[in-house]
Amino acid sequence: MMVMTNPQTLLVIDDDPLILQCMRLCLPEPDYHVLTAGSAEQAMAAFRREQPDAVLLDIQLPDQSGLALIHDLREQDRRVPVILMTGHGTSETAIAAMSGGAFDYITKPFEPDEILPVIDAALETSRMARKPAILPSEIEHASAEKPSDRMLGECPAMVEVFRSIGRVASRDTAVLILGETGTGKEVVARALYQHSSRHDHVFHAINCAAIPEALLESELFGHEKGSFTGADQRRIGKFEICNGGTLFLDEIGDMTPVMQTKLLRVLQEKEFERVGGSKTIKTDVRIIAATNRDLDSAMADGSFRSDLFYRLNEFTISLPPLRERGQDLPKMAEHFFRLFSRQLKKDFVSIAPETMQRLIDHDWPGNVRELQGIIKQTLLKASGPVILPAFLPSGFAAAVPPAAKAAGAAVASREWQDGLADEIRRRLGEGSFTIGNDIHDEVDRILISEVMKSTGNNISEASNRLGISRPTLRSRINHLRIDVS
């Protein structure tokens, strides 16, 4: 069942009508809204009028250099990512522009499979930087029609989260956000950025669990031409692009020990070298990190460096799981039903008491993200303004005694854990030194394949179901070589 989302707007600037038409075909509605411009003058007018989420810009324009236009666009709003399109002979110029703040570049001619992940990454970056994360004290001043992420909650733990954001957002310190999957760590990171003194500078996010170690190093620090197989051009890394801005390192607990060591050095010295390079590059970046792992246990077993933890842990914000938030859940359910009913153009008046009780009785292992998904599915199934139990997804259709539900879950969990333990022991017996990455990849291969099948290979819907961004999903599909044809 597909849930429609608000399309993101991409402004494509090129004087070649073929390129403009190609991008319209490659980025169809409703996931994307493509605007086009054939000159710098048209582009600036469209940029001011439409406020696009990202820009795809040819470096050669009839009335102005693309490099000069980047400067003008960034004067208007430096949070909007700009991707450069270059010819083979102008890639060095594009790399220089990246040092000045461009998001990325791609060389013509290109295939759709090459440029779509870059565009998705730019749109995701723009969403995180510009979509407001509204704190409770600001809700009454926010437009009811504006699709904002509101941080809801009145339980003591959430009140402390809001206070913490207020205390640390304006201070230029590293922040570590802890919490289970789906508790809202990304929204907290956005709130910290948007309420900081760097809110009008660059914001980038990287999911450390979704990128293999070799590629993650290049993503963070960049690389020189010829530094490894496939490095046919110099690449500018996120620490260089984000100079003066904010870098959000999601799932930091899944970073390998080698990468932890390299990250620690950058945080301590505020300088680094590109992979394969010898030039020292200074950087001034605020780090916000997040993880769903228990870092105390990870430090105890040696999988996470304690000195990196202390460097990241200048201030900690811990998010409570939804099951421990008491009466927050009924209020959040009511809010999301009203919000999504407007977005989906569905009638909604009230939630039947029996329906609310089933929502309260659920364990919510996926936390707030799971609650949002369940409410969207319920609204799409609903045939009236009152939400009845029959409209809930199949997992909620019949009441299950808590003891029986817990017993069944425990049996299934033990069987799964026993099978996984057997596989780990087998690999240990073979002397493998890549067990963690191998097991993680095998689980992801099955999970992503099944979700892609169930959604008809729709990237946007699958990323929503998985709770990850489109660029992260594309990266995992490419890395695992999953056939989505």
Protein backbone atom coordinates (compact mmCIF):
# COMPACT_ATOMS: atom_id res chain seq x y z
CA MET A 1 0.00 0.00 0.00
CA MET A 2 1.63 3.19 -1.16
CA VAL A 3 1.51 6.37 0.90
CA MET A 4 1.88 9.50 -1.20
CA THR A 5 4.41 12.03 0.03
CA ASN A 6 4.89 15.69 -0.81
CA PRO A 7 7.16 15.94 -3.87
CA GLN A 8 10.49 17.71 -3.55
CA THR A 9 11.38 20.38 -6.08
CA LEU A 10 14.50 20.19 -8.24
CA LEU A 11 15.57 23.13 -10.41
CA VAL A 12 17.48 21.93 -13.50
CA ILE A 13 19.55 24.63 -15.24
CA ASP A 14 20.92 23.80 -18.70
CA ASP A 15 20.66 25.30 -22.17
CA ASP A 16 20.38 21.83 -23.73
CA PRO A 17 16.65 20.96 -24.17
CA LEU A 18 17.55 17.25 -24.28
CA ILE A 19 18.99 17.36 -20.75
CA LEU A 20 15.92 19.19 -19.45
CA GLN A 21 13.58 16.66 -21.02
CA CYS A 22 15.67 13.75 -19.76
CA MET A 23 15.47 15.00 -16.17
CA ARG A 24 11.68 15.42 -16.42
CA LEU A 25 11.40 11.79 -17.55
CA CYS A 26 13.85 10.43 -14.97
CA LEU A 27 12.21 12.27 -12.05
CA PRO A 28 8.45 11.81 -12.47
CA GLU A 29 5.63 13.06 -10.29
CA PRO A 30 4.56 12.54 -7.54
CA ASP A 31 7.97 11.89 -5.93
CA TYR A 32 9.65 14.85 -7.66
CA HIS A 33 8.65 18.22 -9.05
CA VAL A 34 11.10 19.32 -11.76
CA LEU A 35 11.52 22.97 -12.76
CA THR A 36 13.73 23.92 -15.70
CA ALA A 37 15.69 26.99 -16.80
CA GLY A 38 17.79 27.53 -19.91
CA SER A 39 19.84 30.49 -18.69
CA ALA A 40 21.26 32.03 -15.53
CA GLU A 41 18.70 34.85 -15.69
CA GLN A 42 15.78 32.39 -15.86
CA ALA A 43 17.39 30.29 -13.12
CA MET A 44 17.69 33.16 -10.63
CA ALA A 45 14.07 34.18 -11.24
CA ALA A 46 12.87 30.59 -10.71
CA PHE A 47 15.10 30.16 -7.63
CA ARG A 48 13.65 33.26 -5.93
CA ARG A 49 10.08 32.46 -6.94
CA GLU A 50 9.91 28.69 -6.32
CA GLN A 51 12.52 28.17 -3.55
CA PRO A 52 13.57 24.72 -4.84
CA ASP A 53 14.90 21.99 -2.57
CA ALA A 54 17.99 21.37 -4.73
CA VAL A 55 19.60 22.57 -7.97
CA LEU A 56 21.17 20.66 -10.87
CA LEU A 57 23.40 23.13 -12.74
CA ASP A 58 25.38 22.93 -15.98
CA ILE A 59 28.75 24.62 -15.69
CA GLN A 60 28.44 26.19 -19.18
CA LEU A 61 25.52 28.60 -19.63
CA PRO A 62 24.92 31.09 -22.47
CA ASP A 63 24.70 34.23 -20.31
CA GLN A 64 26.86 33.44 -17.25
CA SER A 65 29.36 30.92 -15.94
CA GLY A 66 27.85 28.17 -13.81
CA LEU A 67 30.54 28.83 -11.21
CA ALA A 68 29.47 32.47 -10.94
CA LEU A 69 25.83 31.38 -10.69
CA ILE A 70 26.64 29.08 -7.77
CA HIS A 71 27.91 32.11 -5.87
CA ASP A 72 24.69 34.02 -6.61
CA LEU A 73 22.51 31.07 -5.59
CA ARG A 74 24.39 30.63 -2.33
CA GLU A 75 23.97 34.34 -1.60
CA GLN A 76 20.22 33.70 -1.74
CA ASP A 77 20.23 30.48 0.35
CA ARG A 78 23.40 28.50 1.04
CA ARG A 79 21.38 25.59 2.49
CA VAL A 80 20.13 24.59 -0.97
CA PRO A 81 22.44 21.87 -2.39
CA VAL A 82 23.81 22.57 -5.88
CA ILE A 83 24.96 19.66 -8.08
CA LEU A 84 27.19 20.58 -11.01
CA MET A 85 27.06 18.95 -14.45
CA THR A 86 30.40 19.19 -16.23
CA GLY A 87 32.13 18.05 -19.40
CA HIS A 88 35.18 15.82 -19.17
CA GLY A 89 37.54 18.77 -19.54
CA THR A 90 35.99 20.86 -16.76
CA SER A 91 35.91 18.43 -13.83
CA GLU A 92 38.83 20.15 -12.06
CA THR A 93 36.91 23.41 -12.18
CA ALA A 94 33.89 21.66 -10.68
CA ILE A 95 36.04 20.23 -7.88
CA ALA A 96 37.25 23.73 -7.10
CA ALA A 97 33.63 24.85 -6.93
CA MET A 98 32.89 22.04 -4.46
CA SER A 99 35.54 23.47 -2.20
CA GLY A 100 33.48 26.65 -2.29
CA GLY A 101 30.28 24.90 -1.25
CA ALA A 102 28.79 22.95 -4.18
CA PHE A 103 27.19 19.67 -3.06
CA ASP A 104 28.65 17.34 -5.73
CA TYR A 105 29.34 17.10 -9.44
CA ILE A 106 28.69 14.61 -12.22
CA THR A 107 30.40 14.36 -15.59
CA LYS A 108 28.47 14.37 -18.88
CA PRO A 109 27.35 12.17 -20.49
CA PHE A 110 25.75 10.25 -17.61
CA GLU A 111 23.24 7.47 -17.13
CA PRO A 112 20.14 7.90 -14.92
CA ASP A 113 21.51 5.30 -12.48
CA GLU A 114 24.57 7.52 -11.95
CA ILE A 115 22.76 10.77 -11.22
CA LEU A 116 19.63 9.63 -9.35
CA PRO A 117 21.50 8.66 -6.13
CA VAL A 118 23.28 12.05 -6.16
CA ILE A 119 19.99 13.92 -6.64
CA ASP A 120 18.28 11.90 -3.91
CA ALA A 121 21.16 12.60 -1.52
CA ALA A 122 20.95 16.32 -2.27
CA LEU A 123 17.17 16.38 -1.75
CA GLU A 124 17.51 14.47 1.53
CA THR A 125 20.18 16.91 2.72
CA SER A 126 17.94 19.83 1.82
CA ARG A 127 14.98 18.32 3.64
CA MET A 128 16.95 17.86 6.83
CA ALA A 129 18.43 21.36 6.69
CA ARG A 130 15.29 23.30 5.76
CA LYS A 131 12.23 21.38 7.01
CA PRO A 132 11.52 22.86 10.44
CA ALA A 133 11.77 20.70 13.56
CA ILE A 134 9.40 22.64 15.80
CA LEU A 135 9.76 22.53 19.58
CA PRO A 136 6.63 22.55 21.80
CA SER A 137 7.05 26.22 22.74
CA GLU A 138 6.97 27.15 19.05
CA ILE A 139 3.95 25.08 17.95
CA GLU A 140 1.37 27.78 18.61
CA HIS A 141 3.27 30.15 16.30
CA ALA A 142 3.60 27.63 13.44
CA SER A 143 1.25 27.67 10.45
CA ALA A 144 -1.24 24.80 10.64
CA GLU A 145 -0.84 24.24 6.90
CA LYS A 146 2.95 24.02 7.01
CA PRO A 147 4.15 20.37 6.86
CA SER A 148 6.50 20.55 9.84
CA ASP A 149 7.97 17.89 12.13
CA ARG A 150 6.64 18.77 15.56
CA MET A 151 8.39 17.31 18.56
CA LEU A 152 5.48 16.23 20.73
CA GLY A 153 5.50 15.02 24.31
CA GLU A 154 4.64 15.97 27.85
CA CYS A 155 6.18 13.08 29.78
CA PRO A 156 9.12 14.05 32.05
CA ALA A 157 11.71 12.38 29.79
CA MET A 158 10.58 14.36 26.71
CA VAL A 159 10.37 17.62 28.68
CA GLU A 160 14.03 17.06 29.59
CA VAL A 161 14.84 16.45 25.89
CA PHE A 162 13.28 19.81 24.96
CA ARG A 163 15.19 21.55 27.75
CA SER A 164 18.43 19.94 26.61
CA ILE A 165 17.94 21.13 23.02
CA GLY A 166 17.35 24.64 24.31
CA ARG A 167 20.44 24.53 26.51
CA VAL A 168 22.92 23.24 23.93
CA ALA A 169 21.65 24.26 20.47
CA SER A 170 23.36 27.66 20.47
CA ARG A 171 26.58 26.36 22.01
CA ASP A 172 29.22 25.19 19.55
CA THR A 173 29.75 21.79 21.19
CA ALA A 174 29.51 18.22 19.94
CA VAL A 175 26.22 16.50 20.81
CA LEU A 176 25.57 12.77 21.09
CA ILE A 177 21.94 11.65 20.62
CA LEU A 178 21.04 8.23 22.05
CA GLY A 179 17.83 6.31 21.47
CA GLU A 180 16.21 3.28 19.88
CA THR A 181 15.41 3.19 16.16
CA GLY A 182 12.45 5.40 15.33
CA THR A 183 12.51 7.57 18.47
CA GLY A 184 13.24 10.78 16.53
CA LYS A 185 17.02 11.21 16.67
CA GLU A 186 17.10 12.85 13.24
CA VAL A 187 14.45 15.41 14.27
CA VAL A 188 16.52 16.31 17.35
CA ALA A 189 19.61 16.74 15.15
CA ARG A 190 17.68 19.06 12.84
CA ALA A 191 16.38 21.08 15.78
CA LEU A 192 19.91 21.47 17.14
CA TYR A 193 21.14 22.68 13.75
CA GLN A 194 18.19 24.99 13.05
CA HIS A 195 18.46 26.68 16.46
CA SER A 196 22.26 27.04 16.29
CA SER A 197 24.44 29.94 15.22
CA ARG A 198 25.33 27.87 12.12
CA HIS A 199 21.72 27.57 10.92
CA ASP A 200 22.41 29.53 7.72
CA HIS A 201 25.50 27.46 6.86
CA VAL A 202 25.86 24.03 5.29
CA PHE A 203 24.27 20.97 6.90
CA HIS A 204 25.12 17.43 5.76
CA ALA A 205 24.14 14.02 7.11
CA ILE A 206 25.82 10.63 6.68
CA ASN A 207 24.47 7.26 7.76
CA CYS A 208 27.63 5.49 8.92
CA ALA A 209 25.93 2.07 8.87
CA ALA A 210 24.83 2.32 5.24
CA ILE A 211 28.23 2.97 3.62
CA PRO A 212 31.10 0.43 3.43
CA GLU A 213 34.28 1.46 5.27
CA ALA A 214 36.35 2.26 2.17
CA LEU A 215 33.61 4.47 0.71
CA LEU A 216 32.83 6.08 4.07
CA GLU A 217 36.42 7.31 4.39
CA SER A 218 36.16 8.94 0.98
CA GLU A 219 32.74 10.42 1.82
CA LEU A 220 34.08 12.03 4.98
CA PHE A 221 37.58 13.10 3.94
CA GLY A 222 37.59 12.98 0.13
CA HIS A 223 40.29 11.39 -2.01
CA GLU A 224 42.92 12.28 -4.59
CA LYS A 225 42.91 11.03 -8.16
CA GLY A 226 44.50 7.59 -8.41
CA SER A 227 44.45 6.94 -4.64
CA PHE A 228 42.58 3.65 -5.17
CA THR A 229 41.00 1.64 -7.97
CA GLY A 230 38.18 3.69 -9.49
CA ALA A 231 39.40 7.02 -8.12
CA ASP A 232 39.60 8.64 -11.55
CA GLN A 233 39.02 12.17 -10.20
CA ARG A 234 39.69 14.04 -7.00
CA ARG A 235 36.73 14.04 -4.58
CA ILE A 236 35.94 16.62 -1.91
CA GLY A 237 34.74 15.08 1.36
CA LYS A 238 32.01 16.19 3.74
CA PHE A 239 34.46 17.61 6.31
CA GLU A 240 35.77 19.95 3.63
CA ILE A 241 32.35 20.88 2.21
CA CYS A 242 30.89 21.46 5.69
CA ASN A 243 33.61 23.86 6.83
CA GLY A 244 31.75 26.42 8.94
CA GLY A 245 28.63 24.25 9.04
CA THR A 246 27.25 21.14 10.72
CA LEU A 247 27.81 17.43 10.05
CA PHE A 248 25.31 14.86 11.35
CA LEU A 249 26.87 11.39 11.76
CA ASP A 250 23.95 8.99 12.13
CA GLU A 251 24.48 5.45 13.46
CA ILE A 252 27.95 6.38 14.70
CA GLY A 253 27.96 3.20 16.81
CA ASP A 254 28.27 1.11 13.63
CA MET A 255 31.47 2.82 12.48
CA THR A 256 34.41 0.42 12.22
CA PRO A 257 37.36 0.75 14.65
CA VAL A 258 39.66 1.95 11.85
CA MET A 259 37.26 4.73 10.89
CA GLN A 260 36.76 5.63 14.54
CA THR A 261 40.50 6.25 14.85
CA LYS A 262 40.53 8.50 11.77
CA LEU A 263 37.48 10.42 12.95
CA LEU A 264 38.99 10.92 16.41
CA ARG A 265 42.07 12.53 14.89
CA VAL A 266 39.95 15.03 12.92
CA LEU A 267 37.93 15.95 16.01
CA GLN A 268 41.08 16.45 18.08
CA GLU A 269 43.26 18.26 15.54
CA LYS A 270 40.53 19.89 13.37
CA GLU A 271 42.51 18.91 10.30
CA PHE A 272 42.80 15.96 7.91
CA GLU A 273 44.22 14.79 4.59
CA ARG A 274 42.25 13.42 1.67
CA VAL A 275 42.72 9.69 1.01
CA GLY A 276 45.94 9.36 -0.96
CA GLY A 277 46.87 12.99 -0.35
CA SER A 278 49.51 14.77 1.72
CA LYS A 279 48.04 18.28 1.94
CA THR A 280 46.69 19.11 5.41
CA ILE A 281 43.21 20.66 5.27
CA LYS A 282 41.84 22.67 8.18
CA THR A 283 38.15 22.31 9.04
CA ASP A 284 35.69 23.94 11.43
CA VAL A 285 32.68 21.63 11.65
CA ARG A 286 30.17 21.10 14.43
CA ILE A 287 29.50 17.39 14.96
CA ILE A 288 26.12 15.96 15.92
CA ALA A 289 26.22 12.17 16.28
CA ALA A 290 23.48 9.62 16.93
CA THR A 291 23.24 5.89 17.58
CA ASN A 292 20.76 3.25 18.70
CA ARG A 293 23.55 1.09 20.14
CA ASP A 294 24.46 0.75 23.80
CA LEU A 295 27.84 2.49 23.68
CA ASP A 296 28.72 1.50 27.25
CA SER A 297 28.54 -2.17 26.20
CA ALA A 298 30.34 -1.38 22.94
CA MET A 299 33.20 0.26 24.85
CA ALA A 300 33.32 -2.67 27.26
CA ASP A 301 33.70 -5.21 24.44
CA GLY A 302 36.17 -3.01 22.56
CA SER A 303 34.03 -2.33 19.48
CA PHE A 304 33.80 1.41 20.23
CA ARG A 305 36.69 3.60 21.31
CA SER A 306 36.23 5.24 24.70
CA ASP A 307 38.34 8.27 23.72
CA LEU A 308 36.07 8.89 20.70
CA PHE A 309 33.02 8.52 22.95
CA TYR A 310 34.33 11.20 25.31
CA ARG A 311 35.12 13.48 22.38
CA LEU A 312 31.59 13.10 20.94
CA ASN A 313 29.93 13.13 24.33
CA GLU A 314 30.41 16.80 25.20
CA PHE A 315 26.63 16.83 25.66
CA THR A 316 24.23 13.87 25.55
CA ILE A 317 20.52 13.80 24.73
CA SER A 318 18.74 10.50 25.47
CA LEU A 319 15.40 9.84 23.77
CA PRO A 320 12.90 7.57 25.57
CA PRO A 321 11.20 4.70 23.68
CA LEU A 322 7.52 5.25 22.90
CA ARG A 323 6.44 2.42 25.24
CA GLU A 324 7.84 4.41 28.19
CA ARG A 325 6.14 7.70 27.37
CA GLY A 326 2.81 7.07 29.15
CA GLN A 327 -0.02 9.34 28.05
CA ASP A 328 2.06 10.84 25.24
CA LEU A 329 0.92 8.04 22.91
CA PRO A 330 -2.84 8.88 22.78
CA LYS A 331 -2.05 12.55 22.18
CA MET A 332 0.51 11.73 19.48
CA ALA A 333 -1.91 9.32 17.79
CA GLU A 334 -4.60 12.00 17.68
CA HIS A 335 -2.10 14.53 16.28
CA PHE A 336 -0.84 12.20 13.55
CA PHE A 337 -4.37 11.13 12.56
CA ARG A 338 -5.31 14.79 12.05
CA LEU A 339 -2.05 15.64 10.26
CA PHE A 340 -2.09 12.67 7.86
CA SER A 341 -5.84 12.90 7.21
CA ARG A 342 -5.21 16.37 5.74
CA GLN A 343 -2.25 15.15 3.69
CA LEU A 344 -4.12 12.09 2.39
CA LYS A 345 -7.42 13.98 1.98
CA LYS A 346 -9.27 11.55 4.25
CA ASP A 347 -12.13 12.38 6.63
CA PHE A 348 -11.28 12.09 10.31
CA VAL A 349 -13.33 13.00 13.38
CA SER A 350 -12.31 10.71 16.22
CA ILE A 351 -10.64 7.45 17.30
CA ALA A 352 -12.93 4.77 18.72
CA PRO A 353 -12.00 3.87 22.34
CA GLU A 354 -11.37 0.22 21.36
CA THR A 355 -8.98 1.37 18.62
CA MET A 356 -7.07 3.64 20.98
CA GLN A 357 -6.75 0.82 23.52
CA ARG A 358 -5.19 -1.46 20.92
CA LEU A 359 -2.71 1.26 20.04
CA ILE A 360 -1.88 1.69 23.73
CA ASP A 361 -1.45 -2.08 24.23
CA HIS A 362 1.02 -2.39 21.33
CA ASP A 363 4.74 -2.62 22.22
CA TRP A 364 5.89 -0.24 19.44
CA PRO A 365 9.35 -1.70 18.74
CA GLY A 366 9.66 0.81 15.88
CA ASN A 367 8.67 3.71 18.16
CA VAL A 368 7.35 6.98 16.67
CA ARG A 369 8.29 6.00 13.12
CA GLU A 370 6.22 2.82 13.44
CA LEU A 371 3.29 4.78 14.90
CA GLN A 372 3.31 7.16 11.91
CA GLY A 373 3.38 4.25 9.45
CA ILE A 374 0.51 2.43 11.20
CA ILE A 375 -1.63 5.58 11.24
CA LYS A 376 -1.07 6.22 7.51
CA GLN A 377 -2.02 2.62 6.68
CA THR A 378 -5.10 2.86 8.92
CA LEU A 379 -6.30 6.08 7.28
CA LEU A 380 -5.93 4.62 3.80
CA LYS A 381 -8.01 1.61 4.86
CA ALA A 382 -10.63 3.65 6.77
CA SER A 383 -14.07 4.06 5.19
CA GLY A 384 -15.48 6.62 7.59
CA PRO A 385 -14.53 9.53 9.86
CA VAL A 386 -14.35 7.37 13.02
CA ILE A 387 -11.27 5.12 13.26
CA LEU A 388 -12.57 1.64 14.13
CA PRO A 389 -10.43 -1.39 15.14
CA ALA A 390 -11.22 -3.06 11.80
CA PHE A 391 -9.31 -0.29 9.99
CA LEU A 392 -6.05 -1.11 11.77
CA PRO A 393 -3.44 -3.18 9.89
CA SER A 394 -3.65 -6.96 10.25
CA GLY A 395 -1.27 -7.03 13.22
CA PHE A 396 -3.84 -5.05 15.19
CA ALA A 397 -6.99 -6.68 13.79
CA ALA A 398 -7.63 -9.02 16.71
CA ALA A 399 -6.91 -8.43 20.35
CA VAL A 400 -4.18 -10.74 21.63
CA PRO A 401 -3.77 -11.32 25.37
CA PRO A 402 -0.50 -9.63 26.45
CA ALA A 403 0.85 -12.85 28.00
CA ALA A 404 0.20 -14.88 24.84
CA LYS A 405 1.69 -12.15 22.65
CA ALA A 406 4.81 -12.00 24.81
CA ALA A 407 5.17 -15.80 24.81
CA GLY A 408 4.82 -16.05 21.02
CA ALA A 409 7.31 -13.23 20.48
CA ALA A 410 9.75 -14.87 22.88
CA VAL A 411 9.60 -18.21 21.00
CA ALA A 412 10.08 -16.55 17.61
CA SER A 413 12.90 -14.44 19.00
CA ARG A 414 14.68 -17.49 20.48
CA GLU A 415 14.41 -19.43 17.21
CA TRP A 416 15.81 -16.50 15.23
CA GLN A 417 18.59 -15.91 17.75
CA ASP A 418 19.52 -19.62 17.82
CA GLY A 419 19.79 -19.70 14.01
CA LEU A 420 21.88 -16.55 13.96
CA ALA A 421 24.15 -17.87 16.74
CA ASP A 422 24.71 -21.10 14.75
CA GLU A 423 25.75 -19.09 11.68
CA ILE A 424 28.12 -16.91 13.73
CA ARG A 425 29.72 -19.98 15.30
CA ARG A 426 30.18 -21.52 11.84
CA ARG A 427 31.96 -18.42 10.59
CA LEU A 428 34.11 -18.27 13.71
CA GLY A 429 35.11 -21.85 13.05
CA GLU A 430 36.18 -20.84 9.54
CA GLY A 431 38.41 -18.11 10.99
CA SER A 432 36.47 -15.19 9.49
CA PHE A 433 37.51 -11.66 10.51
CA THR A 434 34.56 -9.90 8.81
CA ILE A 435 31.68 -11.53 10.66
CA GLY A 436 29.97 -8.27 11.65
CA ASN A 437 29.85 -6.81 8.15
CA ASP A 438 28.96 -10.16 6.57
CA ILE A 439 26.01 -10.86 8.86
CA HIS A 440 24.78 -7.29 8.57
CA ASP A 441 24.92 -7.51 4.77
CA GLU A 442 23.08 -10.85 4.64
CA VAL A 443 20.26 -9.59 6.86
CA ASP A 444 19.98 -6.39 4.81
CA ARG A 445 19.97 -8.36 1.55
CA ILE A 446 16.94 -10.36 2.67
CA LEU A 447 15.18 -7.42 4.30
CA ILE A 448 15.61 -4.99 1.41
CA SER A 449 14.73 -7.62 -1.22
CA GLU A 450 11.47 -8.50 0.52
CA VAL A 451 10.46 -4.88 1.11
CA MET A 452 11.26 -3.94 -2.50
CA LYS A 453 9.13 -6.87 -3.74
CA SER A 454 6.22 -5.89 -1.50
CA THR A 455 6.29 -2.29 -2.78
CA GLY A 456 6.67 -3.15 -6.47
CA ASN A 457 10.27 -1.90 -6.44
CA ASN A 458 9.14 1.63 -5.54
CA ILE A 459 12.18 3.30 -3.98
CA SER A 460 10.22 6.02 -2.18
CA GLU A 461 7.68 3.66 -0.62
CA ALA A 462 10.35 1.09 0.30
CA SER A 463 12.51 3.74 2.00
CA ASN A 464 9.45 4.84 4.02
CA ARG A 465 8.71 1.24 5.06
CA LEU A 466 12.35 0.66 6.04
CA GLY A 467 12.62 3.97 7.87
CA ILE A 468 15.68 5.10 5.88
CA SER A 469 16.27 7.76 3.25
CA ARG A 470 16.17 7.15 -0.50
CA PRO A 471 19.92 7.73 -0.95
CA THR A 472 20.70 5.31 1.89
CA LEU A 473 18.45 2.67 0.31
CA ARG A 474 20.01 3.16 -3.13
CA SER A 475 23.47 2.90 -1.59
CA ARG A 476 22.62 -0.40 0.13
CA ILE A 477 21.00 -1.81 -3.03
CA ASN A 478 24.13 -0.99 -5.06
CA HIS A 479 26.51 -2.27 -2.38
CA LEU A 480 24.61 -5.56 -1.95
CA ARG A 481 23.97 -5.90 -5.72
CA ILE A 482 20.27 -6.49 -5.19
CA ASP A 483 18.38 -6.97 -8.44
CA VAL A 484 15.45 -4.54 -8.47
CA SER A 485 14.74 -4.80 -12.20
